[in-house]
């Protein structure tokens, strides 16, 4: 009476065992190309996962269906019929442990569902507004390779372009962040999995390594001498436009103003500021007393260092030496 059900269950159990012995994994891949290529890779994995899940689910449902039919027949048996069928049932379950197969198949199906959820979380949500997602790839996103003095500028640009957009998941923002990085900065976060939590961890690592104010100041101090030298050379180059023989500043000296201010005899104090910008470096100095005054002398003729007084003199450069600026009167 139960032979047809046992035969069907035996065949289905063999198919189920084949699936369980060749279980597939659909883990979230590591992004190696562009974000669009990465999304395509994820969708391909989801399609393969759906096929595997469908096959496993069909076998699972078919085995349960045959088992339910068999149990229904056993329920309707008379006492004598059930007593006669019990040894058959026990022997069959020992030979074909399909209840265990059903449980293992259910676990595998649940595993596939979990993996699909993880993959789907890393795709753009079509239920949300797509305007931002459509326009975002067209933005010229900033680049950062690991120079700490550029981090603040980079982060401000990235924050406006990506971080503050509400319709993007943190995982998608993490994708954009990785596309903006290069060199040591990219290596710092490259091993993080593509998840929402990884985005926040990546920001923490970047700020910890490149957003430290002391490190930024240290880098700036190391770069200032080179920048100062370049600035002085550039300013001195304006001397090529000439200085009048009378050494009197007038409108004709406007093109050589940087040079004349540097050599202005009465200017003995100088304060400079340096700022590093994405495209240019700015180095600006203010002199006191102010020079480049029309009608006044740029430099006075005479023997070297005759006006240095009790200060030292650098005869090679023709300049007075002030070891302590506080020694020089403010007026």
C-alpha atoms as a PDB file:
ATOM      1  CA  UNK A   1       0.000   0.000   0.000  1.00  0.00           C
ATOM      2  CA  UNK A   2       2.887   2.425   0.720  1.00  0.00           C
ATOM      3  CA  UNK A   3       5.207   1.207  -2.048  1.00  0.00           C
ATOM      4  CA  UNK A   4       4.372   4.023  -4.541  1.00  0.00           C
ATOM      5  CA  UNK A   5       5.182   6.685  -1.946  1.00  0.00           C
ATOM      6  CA  UNK A   6       8.403   4.971  -0.912  1.00  0.00           C
ATOM      7  CA  UNK A   7       9.559   4.737  -4.515  1.00  0.00           C
ATOM      8  CA  UNK A   8       8.904   8.446  -5.124  1.00  0.00           C
ATOM      9  CA  UNK A   9      10.586   9.470  -1.878  1.00  0.00           C
ATOM     10  CA  UNK A  10      13.626   7.326  -2.701  1.00  0.00           C
ATOM     11  CA  UNK A  11      14.070   9.035  -6.095  1.00  0.00           C
ATOM     12  CA  UNK A  12      13.526  12.500  -4.657  1.00  0.00           C
ATOM     13  CA  UNK A  13      15.929  11.830  -1.766  1.00  0.00           C
ATOM     14  CA  UNK A  14      18.639  10.890  -4.262  1.00  0.00           C
ATOM     15  CA  UNK A  15      18.140  14.213  -6.061  1.00  0.00           C
ATOM     16  CA  UNK A  16      18.187  16.057  -2.738  1.00  0.00           C
ATOM     17  CA  UNK A  17      21.411  14.319  -1.672  1.00  0.00           C
ATOM     18  CA  UNK A  18      22.999  15.313  -4.972  1.00  0.00           C
ATOM     19  CA  UNK A  19      22.138  18.970  -4.253  1.00  0.00           C
ATOM     20  CA  UNK A  20      23.355  18.759  -0.651  1.00  0.00           C
ATOM     21  CA  UNK A  21      26.616  17.080  -1.646  1.00  0.00           C
ATOM     22  CA  UNK A  22      27.304  19.882  -4.136  1.00  0.00           C
ATOM     23  CA  UNK A  23      26.181  22.920  -2.185  1.00  0.00           C
ATOM     24  CA  UNK A  24      27.038  26.256  -3.750  1.00  0.00           C
ATOM     25  CA  UNK A  25      28.121  29.458  -2.072  1.00  0.00           C
ATOM     26  CA  UNK A  26      27.120  32.918  -3.276  1.00  0.00           C
ATOM     27  CA  UNK A  27      29.213  35.187  -1.062  1.00  0.00           C
ATOM     28  CA  UNK A  28      29.444  38.912  -1.693  1.00  0.00           C
ATOM     29  CA  UNK A  29      32.374  39.453  -4.084  1.00  0.00           C
ATOM     30  CA  UNK A  30      35.150  42.009  -3.708  1.00  0.00           C
ATOM     31  CA  UNK A  31      34.787  44.953  -6.068  1.00  0.00           C
ATOM     32  CA  UNK A  32      37.588  45.125  -8.632  1.00  0.00           C
ATOM     33  CA  UNK A  33      36.040  47.223 -11.414  1.00  0.00           C
ATOM     34  CA  UNK A  34      33.635  50.140 -11.650  1.00  0.00           C
ATOM     35  CA  UNK A  35      30.456  50.291  -9.580  1.00  0.00           C
ATOM     36  CA  UNK A  36      28.268  49.476 -12.598  1.00  0.00           C
ATOM     37  CA  UNK A  37      30.377  46.396 -13.343  1.00  0.00           C
ATOM     38  CA  UNK A  38      30.166  45.417  -9.704  1.00  0.00           C
ATOM     39  CA  UNK A  39      26.371  45.673  -9.701  1.00  0.00           C
ATOM     40  CA  UNK A  40      26.243  43.539 -12.856  1.00  0.00           C
ATOM     41  CA  UNK A  41      28.405  40.926 -11.138  1.00  0.00           C
ATOM     42  CA  UNK A  42      26.064  40.877  -8.134  1.00  0.00           C
ATOM     43  CA  UNK A  43      22.962  40.521 -10.336  1.00  0.00           C
ATOM     44  CA  UNK A  44      24.578  37.601 -12.175  1.00  0.00           C
ATOM     45  CA  UNK A  45      25.241  35.894  -8.841  1.00  0.00           C
ATOM     46  CA  UNK A  46      21.646  36.482  -7.756  1.00  0.00           C
ATOM     47  CA  UNK A  47      20.338  34.891 -10.970  1.00  0.00           C
ATOM     48  CA  UNK A  48      22.476  31.791 -10.383  1.00  0.00           C
ATOM     49  CA  UNK A  49      21.424  31.724  -6.734  1.00  0.00           C
ATOM     50  CA  UNK A  50      17.731  31.912  -7.708  1.00  0.00           C
ATOM     51  CA  UNK A  51      18.151  28.905 -10.006  1.00  0.00           C
ATOM     52  CA  UNK A  52      19.831  26.876  -7.265  1.00  0.00           C
ATOM     53  CA  UNK A  53      17.241  27.937  -4.702  1.00  0.00           C
ATOM     54  CA  UNK A  54      14.371  27.063  -7.048  1.00  0.00           C
ATOM     55  CA  UNK A  55      15.746  23.553  -7.662  1.00  0.00           C
ATOM     56  CA  UNK A  56      16.296  22.921  -3.954  1.00  0.00           C
ATOM     57  CA  UNK A  57      12.852  24.260  -3.047  1.00  0.00           C
ATOM     58  CA  UNK A  58      11.099  22.098  -5.654  1.00  0.00           C
ATOM     59  CA  UNK A  59      12.780  18.937  -4.336  1.00  0.00           C
ATOM     60  CA  UNK A  60      12.012  19.978  -0.761  1.00  0.00           C
ATOM     61  CA  UNK A  61       8.330  20.513  -1.548  1.00  0.00           C
ATOM     62  CA  UNK A  62       8.040  17.263  -3.536  1.00  0.00           C
ATOM     63  CA  UNK A  63       9.548  15.137  -0.744  1.00  0.00           C
ATOM     64  CA  UNK A  64       7.270  16.744   1.825  1.00  0.00           C
ATOM     65  CA  UNK A  65       4.280  16.202  -0.431  1.00  0.00           C
ATOM     66  CA  UNK A  66       5.006  12.467  -0.845  1.00  0.00           C
ATOM     67  CA  UNK A  67       5.671  12.139   2.878  1.00  0.00           C
ATOM     68  CA  UNK A  68       2.351  13.836   3.692  1.00  0.00           C
ATOM     69  CA  UNK A  69       0.535  11.467   1.327  1.00  0.00           C
ATOM     70  CA  UNK A  70       2.197   8.434   2.917  1.00  0.00           C
ATOM     71  CA  UNK A  71       1.433   9.647   6.433  1.00  0.00           C
ATOM     72  CA  UNK A  72      -2.152  10.249   5.337  1.00  0.00           C
ATOM     73  CA  UNK A  73      -2.437   6.660   4.187  1.00  0.00           C
ATOM     74  CA  UNK A  74      -0.910   5.411   7.446  1.00  0.00           C
ATOM     75  CA  UNK A  75      -3.411   7.481   9.418  1.00  0.00           C
ATOM     76  CA  UNK A  76      -6.304   5.822   7.581  1.00  0.00           C
ATOM     77  CA  UNK A  77      -4.946   2.301   8.133  1.00  0.00           C
ATOM     78  CA  UNK A  78      -6.600  -0.119  10.456  1.00  0.00           C
ATOM     79  CA  UNK A  79      -4.712  -1.285  13.496  1.00  0.00           C
ATOM     80  CA  UNK A  80      -3.583  -4.483  11.799  1.00  0.00           C
ATOM     81  CA  UNK A  81      -2.548  -2.652   8.626  1.00  0.00           C
ATOM     82  CA  UNK A  82      -0.484  -0.135  10.603  1.00  0.00           C
ATOM     83  CA  UNK A  83       1.193  -2.892  12.599  1.00  0.00           C
ATOM     84  CA  UNK A  84       2.139  -4.529   9.322  1.00  0.00           C
ATOM     85  CA  UNK A  85       3.369  -1.215   7.842  1.00  0.00           C
ATOM     86  CA  UNK A  86       5.482  -0.121  10.831  1.00  0.00           C
ATOM     87  CA  UNK A  87       8.432  -2.444  10.110  1.00  0.00           C
ATOM     88  CA  UNK A  88       8.318  -1.361   6.470  1.00  0.00           C
ATOM     89  CA  UNK A  89       8.422   2.317   7.512  1.00  0.00           C
ATOM     90  CA  UNK A  90      11.254   1.774  10.015  1.00  0.00           C
ATOM     91  CA  UNK A  91      13.338  -0.214   7.536  1.00  0.00           C
ATOM     92  CA  UNK A  92      12.791   2.391   4.808  1.00  0.00           C
ATOM     93  CA  UNK A  93      13.760   5.331   7.032  1.00  0.00           C
ATOM     94  CA  UNK A  94      16.906   3.483   8.064  1.00  0.00           C
ATOM     95  CA  UNK A  95      17.747   2.774   4.421  1.00  0.00           C
ATOM     96  CA  UNK A  96      16.676   6.210   3.142  1.00  0.00           C
ATOM     97  CA  UNK A  97      16.950   8.723   6.030  1.00  0.00           C
ATOM     98  CA  UNK A  98      14.819  11.246   4.197  1.00  0.00           C
ATOM     99  CA  UNK A  99      13.611  13.106   7.343  1.00  0.00           C
ATOM    100  CA  UNK A 100      17.239  14.147   7.910  1.00  0.00           C
ATOM    101  CA  UNK A 101      17.518  15.007   4.221  1.00  0.00           C
ATOM    102  CA  UNK A 102      14.452  17.243   4.515  1.00  0.00           C
ATOM    103  CA  UNK A 103      15.959  19.099   7.484  1.00  0.00           C
ATOM    104  CA  UNK A 104      19.320  19.581   5.740  1.00  0.00           C
ATOM    105  CA  UNK A 105      17.614  20.750   2.579  1.00  0.00           C
ATOM    106  CA  UNK A 106      15.654  23.303   4.588  1.00  0.00           C
ATOM    107  CA  UNK A 107      18.898  24.611   6.140  1.00  0.00           C
ATOM    108  CA  UNK A 108      20.461  24.940   2.694  1.00  0.00           C
ATOM    109  CA  UNK A 109      17.460  26.848   1.364  1.00  0.00           C
ATOM    110  CA  UNK A 110      17.630  29.228   4.344  1.00  0.00           C
ATOM    111  CA  UNK A 111      21.351  29.723   3.709  1.00  0.00           C
ATOM    112  CA  UNK A 112      20.634  30.669   0.100  1.00  0.00           C
ATOM    113  CA  UNK A 113      17.995  33.162   1.228  1.00  0.00           C
ATOM    114  CA  UNK A 114      20.470  34.788   3.610  1.00  0.00           C
ATOM    115  CA  UNK A 115      23.101  35.067   0.885  1.00  0.00           C
ATOM    116  CA  UNK A 116      20.572  36.586  -1.511  1.00  0.00           C
ATOM    117  CA  UNK A 117      19.593  39.183   1.091  1.00  0.00           C
ATOM    118  CA  UNK A 118      23.247  40.169   1.525  1.00  0.00           C
ATOM    119  CA  UNK A 119      23.744  40.483  -2.226  1.00  0.00           C
ATOM    120  CA  UNK A 120      20.522  42.453  -2.688  1.00  0.00           C
ATOM    121  CA  UNK A 121      21.480  44.908   0.067  1.00  0.00           C
ATOM    122  CA  UNK A 122      24.428  45.987  -2.046  1.00  0.00           C
ATOM    123  CA  UNK A 123      22.326  46.922  -5.064  1.00  0.00           C
ATOM    124  CA  UNK A 124      20.553  50.287  -5.494  1.00  0.00           C
ATOM    125  CA  UNK A 125      17.042  50.190  -4.051  1.00  0.00           C
ATOM    126  CA  UNK A 126      14.599  50.734  -6.985  1.00  0.00           C
ATOM    127  CA  UNK A 127      11.819  51.670  -4.546  1.00  0.00           C
ATOM    128  CA  UNK A 128      13.688  54.840  -3.604  1.00  0.00           C
ATOM    129  CA  UNK A 129      14.035  57.982  -5.672  1.00  0.00           C
ATOM    130  CA  UNK A 130      16.361  57.323  -8.596  1.00  0.00           C
ATOM    131  CA  UNK A 131      17.027  60.945  -9.528  1.00  0.00           C
ATOM    132  CA  UNK A 132      20.058  61.160  -7.267  1.00  0.00           C
ATOM    133  CA  UNK A 133      21.339  57.759  -8.329  1.00  0.00           C
ATOM    134  CA  UNK A 134      20.951  58.705 -11.977  1.00  0.00           C
ATOM    135  CA  UNK A 135      22.870  61.941 -11.704  1.00  0.00           C
ATOM    136  CA  UNK A 136      25.492  60.954  -9.149  1.00  0.00           C
ATOM    137  CA  UNK A 137      27.822  59.024 -11.506  1.00  0.00           C
ATOM    138  CA  UNK A 138      28.024  62.161 -13.677  1.00  0.00           C
ATOM    139  CA  UNK A 139      29.559  64.173 -10.845  1.00  0.00           C
ATOM    140  CA  UNK A 140      33.270  64.891 -10.932  1.00  0.00           C
ATOM    141  CA  UNK A 141      34.131  63.250  -7.640  1.00  0.00           C
ATOM    142  CA  UNK A 142      37.333  64.237  -5.824  1.00  0.00           C
ATOM    143  CA  UNK A 143      40.396  62.008  -5.716  1.00  0.00           C
ATOM    144  CA  UNK A 144      42.589  61.231  -2.725  1.00  0.00           C
ATOM    145  CA  UNK A 145      45.809  59.210  -2.711  1.00  0.00           C
ATOM    146  CA  UNK A 146      46.992  59.639   0.864  1.00  0.00           C
ATOM    147  CA  UNK A 147      48.482  63.144   1.241  1.00  0.00           C
ATOM    148  CA  UNK A 148      47.217  64.249   4.628  1.00  0.00           C
ATOM    149  CA  UNK A 149      47.311  67.954   3.744  1.00  0.00           C
ATOM    150  CA  UNK A 150      44.745  67.210   0.995  1.00  0.00           C
ATOM    151  CA  UNK A 151      42.380  65.162   3.169  1.00  0.00           C
ATOM    152  CA  UNK A 152      40.234  67.986   4.549  1.00  0.00           C
ATOM    153  CA  UNK A 153      39.620  69.409   1.086  1.00  0.00           C
ATOM    154  CA  UNK A 154      38.889  65.920  -0.276  1.00  0.00           C
ATOM    155  CA  UNK A 155      36.469  65.045   2.490  1.00  0.00           C
ATOM    156  CA  UNK A 156      34.563  68.323   2.184  1.00  0.00           C
ATOM    157  CA  UNK A 157      34.046  67.676  -1.533  1.00  0.00           C
ATOM    158  CA  UNK A 158      33.094  64.024  -1.028  1.00  0.00           C
ATOM    159  CA  UNK A 159      30.745  64.915   1.807  1.00  0.00           C
ATOM    160  CA  UNK A 160      28.777  67.299  -0.400  1.00  0.00           C
ATOM    161  CA  UNK A 161      28.850  65.038  -3.460  1.00  0.00           C
ATOM    162  CA  UNK A 162      28.076  61.680  -1.834  1.00  0.00           C
ATOM    163  CA  UNK A 163      28.084  61.444   1.970  1.00  0.00           C
ATOM    164  CA  UNK A 164      25.191  63.849   2.610  1.00  0.00           C
ATOM    165  CA  UNK A 165      22.868  62.339  -0.038  1.00  0.00           C
ATOM    166  CA  UNK A 166      20.006  60.648   1.887  1.00  0.00           C
ATOM    167  CA  UNK A 167      18.825  58.235  -0.836  1.00  0.00           C
ATOM    168  CA  UNK A 168      22.087  56.310  -1.037  1.00  0.00           C
ATOM    169  CA  UNK A 169      22.735  53.319   1.190  1.00  0.00           C
ATOM    170  CA  UNK A 170      25.979  53.351   3.132  1.00  0.00           C
ATOM    171  CA  UNK A 171      27.181  50.363   1.104  1.00  0.00           C
ATOM    172  CA  UNK A 172      26.715  52.308  -2.140  1.00  0.00           C
ATOM    173  CA  UNK A 173      28.466  55.320  -0.604  1.00  0.00           C
ATOM    174  CA  UNK A 174      31.321  52.989   0.291  1.00  0.00           C
ATOM    175  CA  UNK A 175      31.531  52.007  -3.373  1.00  0.00           C
ATOM    176  CA  UNK A 176      31.850  55.630  -4.419  1.00  0.00           C
ATOM    177  CA  UNK A 177      34.407  56.275  -1.687  1.00  0.00           C
ATOM    178  CA  UNK A 178      36.615  53.435  -2.942  1.00  0.00           C
ATOM    179  CA  UNK A 179      36.415  54.797  -6.497  1.00  0.00           C
ATOM    180  CA  UNK A 180      37.716  58.144  -5.210  1.00  0.00           C
ATOM    181  CA  UNK A 181      40.753  56.625  -3.512  1.00  0.00           C
ATOM    182  CA  UNK A 182      44.119  55.586  -4.841  1.00  0.00           C
ATOM    183  CA  UNK A 183      47.506  54.494  -3.531  1.00  0.00           C
ATOM    184  CA  UNK A 184      47.970  54.077   0.248  1.00  0.00           C
ATOM    185  CA  UNK A 185      44.502  55.474   0.996  1.00  0.00           C
ATOM    186  CA  UNK A 186      42.827  52.754  -1.087  1.00  0.00           C
ATOM    187  CA  UNK A 187      45.025  50.014   0.363  1.00  0.00           C
ATOM    188  CA  UNK A 188      43.972  51.122   3.843  1.00  0.00           C
ATOM    189  CA  UNK A 189      40.304  50.170   3.294  1.00  0.00           C
ATOM    190  CA  UNK A 190      40.445  47.807   0.310  1.00  0.00           C
ATOM    191  CA  UNK A 191      40.057  44.654   2.416  1.00  0.00           C
ATOM    192  CA  UNK A 192      36.797  45.803   4.032  1.00  0.00           C
ATOM    193  CA  UNK A 193      33.690  43.926   2.793  1.00  0.00           C
ATOM    194  CA  UNK A 194      31.091  45.926   0.910  1.00  0.00           C
ATOM    195  CA  UNK A 195      28.579  46.540   3.699  1.00  0.00           C
ATOM    196  CA  UNK A 196      26.932  49.510   5.368  1.00  0.00           C
ATOM    197  CA  UNK A 197      29.108  49.035   8.451  1.00  0.00           C
ATOM    198  CA  UNK A 198      32.289  49.047   6.370  1.00  0.00           C
ATOM    199  CA  UNK A 199      31.527  52.561   5.117  1.00  0.00           C
ATOM    200  CA  UNK A 200      31.665  53.961   8.638  1.00  0.00           C
ATOM    201  CA  UNK A 201      34.783  51.925   9.427  1.00  0.00           C
ATOM    202  CA  UNK A 202      36.466  53.256   6.271  1.00  0.00           C
ATOM    203  CA  UNK A 203      35.716  56.854   7.275  1.00  0.00           C
ATOM    204  CA  UNK A 204      37.150  56.197  10.733  1.00  0.00           C
ATOM    205  CA  UNK A 205      40.347  54.740   9.284  1.00  0.00           C
ATOM    206  CA  UNK A 206      40.805  57.602   6.830  1.00  0.00           C
ATOM    207  CA  UNK A 207      40.265  60.255   9.482  1.00  0.00           C
ATOM    208  CA  UNK A 208      42.552  58.460  11.907  1.00  0.00           C
ATOM    209  CA  UNK A 209      45.379  58.182   9.370  1.00  0.00           C
ATOM    210  CA  UNK A 210      44.993  61.374   7.326  1.00  0.00           C
ATOM    211  CA  UNK A 211      42.799  63.753   9.317  1.00  0.00           C
ATOM    212  CA  UNK A 212      45.111  64.181  12.295  1.00  0.00           C
ATOM    213  CA  UNK A 213      45.703  67.908  12.788  1.00  0.00           C
ATOM    214  CA  UNK A 214      49.194  67.425  14.215  1.00  0.00           C
ATOM    215  CA  UNK A 215      50.261  65.312  11.251  1.00  0.00           C
ATOM    216  CA  UNK A 216      48.827  67.858   8.819  1.00  0.00           C
ATOM    217  CA  UNK A 217      50.726  70.673  10.529  1.00  0.00           C
ATOM    218  CA  UNK A 218      53.913  68.618  10.520  1.00  0.00           C
ATOM    219  CA  UNK A 219      53.573  67.952   6.793  1.00  0.00           C
ATOM    220  CA  UNK A 220      52.895  71.613   6.114  1.00  0.00           C
ATOM    221  CA  UNK A 221      55.977  72.657   8.062  1.00  0.00           C
ATOM    222  CA  UNK A 222      58.129  70.250   6.072  1.00  0.00           C
ATOM    223  CA  UNK A 223      56.771  71.565   2.779  1.00  0.00           C
ATOM    224  CA  UNK A 224      56.978  75.289   3.590  1.00  0.00           C
ATOM    225  CA  UNK A 225      60.744  75.734   2.979  1.00  0.00           C
ATOM    226  CA  UNK A 226      60.414  74.378  -0.541  1.00  0.00           C
ATOM    227  CA  UNK A 227      57.316  76.467  -1.216  1.00  0.00           C
ATOM    228  CA  UNK A 228      58.988  79.567   0.240  1.00  0.00           C
ATOM    229  CA  UNK A 229      62.012  79.072  -1.999  1.00  0.00           C
ATOM    230  CA  UNK A 230      59.812  78.740  -5.070  1.00  0.00           C
ATOM    231  CA  UNK A 231      57.845  81.830  -4.065  1.00  0.00           C
ATOM    232  CA  UNK A 232      60.996  83.907  -3.563  1.00  0.00           C
ATOM    233  CA  UNK A 233      62.376  82.796  -6.919  1.00  0.00           C
ATOM    234  CA  UNK A 234      59.093  83.681  -8.610  1.00  0.00           C
ATOM    235  CA  UNK A 235      58.998  87.082  -6.934  1.00  0.00           C
ATOM    236  CA  UNK A 236      62.640  87.754  -7.737  1.00  0.00           C
ATOM    237  CA  UNK A 237      61.951  86.890 -11.373  1.00  0.00           C
ATOM    238  CA  UNK A 238      59.842  90.030 -11.622  1.00  0.00           C
ATOM    239  CA  UNK A 239      63.107  91.995 -11.362  1.00  0.00           C
ATOM    240  CA  UNK A 240      63.579  91.210 -15.042  1.00  0.00           C
ATOM    241  CA  UNK A 241      61.151  94.029 -15.739  1.00  0.00           C
ATOM    242  CA  UNK A 242      63.786  96.366 -14.364  1.00  0.00           C
ATOM    243  CA  UNK A 243      64.308  98.905 -11.625  1.00  0.00           C
ATOM    244  CA  UNK A 244      64.836 102.547 -12.483  1.00  0.00           C
ATOM    245  CA  UNK A 245      68.351 103.909 -12.203  1.00  0.00           C
ATOM    246  CA  UNK A 246      67.116 106.474  -9.703  1.00  0.00           C
ATOM    247  CA  UNK A 247      65.765 103.647  -7.502  1.00  0.00           C
ATOM    248  CA  UNK A 248      62.524 105.587  -7.030  1.00  0.00           C
ATOM    249  CA  UNK A 249      59.297 103.566  -7.091  1.00  0.00           C
ATOM    250  CA  UNK A 250      56.733 104.735  -9.660  1.00  0.00           C
ATOM    251  CA  UNK A 251      53.944 103.336 -11.850  1.00  0.00           C
ATOM    252  CA  UNK A 252      56.479 101.753 -14.199  1.00  0.00           C
ATOM    253  CA  UNK A 253      57.452  99.340 -11.433  1.00  0.00           C
ATOM    254  CA  UNK A 254      53.972  97.789 -11.124  1.00  0.00           C
ATOM    255  CA  UNK A 255      55.044  94.645 -12.977  1.00  0.00           C
ATOM    256  CA  UNK A 256      58.089  94.231 -10.746  1.00  0.00           C
ATOM    257  CA  UNK A 257      56.218  94.973  -7.506  1.00  0.00           C
ATOM    258  CA  UNK A 258      57.044  91.624  -5.906  1.00  0.00           C
ATOM    259  CA  UNK A 259      60.741  92.239  -6.464  1.00  0.00           C
ATOM    260  CA  UNK A 260      60.782  95.851  -5.287  1.00  0.00           C
ATOM    261  CA  UNK A 261      58.870  94.984  -2.113  1.00  0.00           C
ATOM    262  CA  UNK A 262      61.384  92.255  -1.258  1.00  0.00           C
ATOM    263  CA  UNK A 263      64.313  94.658  -1.624  1.00  0.00           C
ATOM    264  CA  UNK A 264      62.551  97.663  -0.095  1.00  0.00           C
ATOM    265  CA  UNK A 265      65.144  99.140   2.220  1.00  0.00           C
ATOM    266  CA  UNK A 266      62.809 100.267   4.983  1.00  0.00           C
ATOM    267  CA  UNK A 267      60.899  96.954   5.254  1.00  0.00           C
ATOM    268  CA  UNK A 268      62.494  94.826   7.940  1.00  0.00           C
ATOM    269  CA  UNK A 269      59.580  92.768   9.287  1.00  0.00           C
ATOM    270  CA  UNK A 270      57.787  90.095   7.329  1.00  0.00           C
ATOM    271  CA  UNK A 271      54.916  87.749   8.114  1.00  0.00           C
ATOM    272  CA  UNK A 272      53.899  84.987   5.724  1.00  0.00           C
ATOM    273  CA  UNK A 273      51.006  82.561   5.394  1.00  0.00           C
ATOM    274  CA  UNK A 274      50.804  79.376   3.371  1.00  0.00           C
ATOM    275  CA  UNK A 275      47.735  77.420   2.263  1.00  0.00           C
ATOM    276  CA  UNK A 276      47.646  74.246   0.218  1.00  0.00           C
ATOM    277  CA  UNK A 277      44.729  74.070  -2.225  1.00  0.00           C
ATOM    278  CA  UNK A 278      43.768  71.271  -4.653  1.00  0.00           C
ATOM    279  CA  UNK A 279      45.115  73.099  -7.718  1.00  0.00           C
ATOM    280  CA  UNK A 280      47.472  75.812  -6.414  1.00  0.00           C
ATOM    281  CA  UNK A 281      49.634  76.486  -3.371  1.00  0.00           C
ATOM    282  CA  UNK A 282      49.315  80.027  -2.032  1.00  0.00           C
ATOM    283  CA  UNK A 283      52.174  81.737  -0.207  1.00  0.00           C
ATOM    284  CA  UNK A 284      51.486  85.342   0.816  1.00  0.00           C
ATOM    285  CA  UNK A 285      53.717  87.719   2.782  1.00  0.00           C
ATOM    286  CA  UNK A 286      53.059  91.048   4.442  1.00  0.00           C
ATOM    287  CA  UNK A 287      55.889  93.516   5.010  1.00  0.00           C
ATOM    288  CA  UNK A 288      56.368  96.172   7.664  1.00  0.00           C
ATOM    289  CA  UNK A 289      56.892  98.998   7.143  1.00  0.00           C
ATOM    290  CA  UNK A 290      55.004  98.692   3.880  1.00  0.00           C
ATOM    291  CA  UNK A 291      56.961  99.210   0.671  1.00  0.00           C
ATOM    292  CA  UNK A 292      56.121 100.023  -2.945  1.00  0.00           C
ATOM    293  CA  UNK A 293      55.168 103.578  -2.067  1.00  0.00           C
ATOM    294  CA  UNK A 294      55.136 105.826  -5.174  1.00  0.00           C
ATOM    295  CA  UNK A 295      57.780 108.518  -5.074  1.00  0.00           C
ATOM    296  CA  UNK A 296      59.882 106.906  -2.346  1.00  0.00           C
ATOM    297  CA  UNK A 297      63.217 105.148  -2.605  1.00  0.00           C
ATOM    298  CA  UNK A 298      63.275 101.424  -3.267  1.00  0.00           C
ATOM    299  CA  UNK A 299      66.833 101.089  -2.091  1.00  0.00           C
ATOM    300  CA  UNK A 300      69.373 103.702  -1.153  1.00  0.00           C
ATOM    301  CA  UNK A 301      72.697 103.956  -2.917  1.00  0.00           C
ATOM    302  CA  UNK A 302      75.828 103.705  -0.812  1.00  0.00           C
ATOM    303  CA  UNK A 303      78.355 101.336   0.677  1.00  0.00           C
ATOM    304  CA  UNK A 304      77.194  97.924   1.895  1.00  0.00           C
ATOM    305  CA  UNK A 305      75.679  97.730   5.365  1.00  0.00           C
ATOM    306  CA  UNK A 306      76.375 101.385   6.248  1.00  0.00           C
ATOM    307  CA  UNK A 307      72.881 101.652   7.736  1.00  0.00           C
ATOM    308  CA  UNK A 308      72.971  98.435   9.741  1.00  0.00           C
ATOM    309  CA  UNK A 309      74.105 100.257  12.862  1.00  0.00           C
ATOM    310  CA  UNK A 310      74.883  97.880  15.705  1.00  0.00           C
ATOM    311  CA  UNK A 311      73.301  94.939  13.847  1.00  0.00           C
ATOM    312  CA  UNK A 312      75.419  92.456  11.986  1.00  0.00           C
ATOM    313  CA  UNK A 313      75.898  92.470   8.235  1.00  0.00           C
ATOM    314  CA  UNK A 314      75.934  89.808   5.533  1.00  0.00           C
ATOM    315  CA  UNK A 315      78.341  91.332   3.029  1.00  0.00           C
ATOM    316  CA  UNK A 316      77.744  88.499   0.590  1.00  0.00           C
ATOM    317  CA  UNK A 317      74.070  89.399   0.344  1.00  0.00           C
ATOM    318  CA  UNK A 318      74.368  93.056   1.260  1.00  0.00           C
ATOM    319  CA  UNK A 319      71.826  92.690   4.057  1.00  0.00           C
ATOM    320  CA  UNK A 320      71.647  93.656   7.704  1.00  0.00           C
ATOM    321  CA  UNK A 321      71.273  90.795  10.173  1.00  0.00           C
ATOM    322  CA  UNK A 322      68.780  91.023  13.023  1.00  0.00           C
ATOM    323  CA  UNK A 323      69.138  88.061  15.380  1.00  0.00           C
ATOM    324  CA  UNK A 324      66.188  89.049  17.546  1.00  0.00           C
ATOM    325  CA  UNK A 325      63.430  91.110  15.956  1.00  0.00           C
ATOM    326  CA  UNK A 326      62.413  92.407  19.399  1.00  0.00           C
ATOM    327  CA  UNK A 327      65.679  94.354  19.445  1.00  0.00           C
ATOM    328  CA  UNK A 328      64.476  96.436  16.517  1.00  0.00           C
ATOM    329  CA  UNK A 329      62.283  99.410  17.410  1.00  0.00           C
ATOM    330  CA  UNK A 330      58.647  99.213  16.212  1.00  0.00           C
ATOM    331  CA  UNK A 331      58.800 102.744  14.917  1.00  0.00           C
END
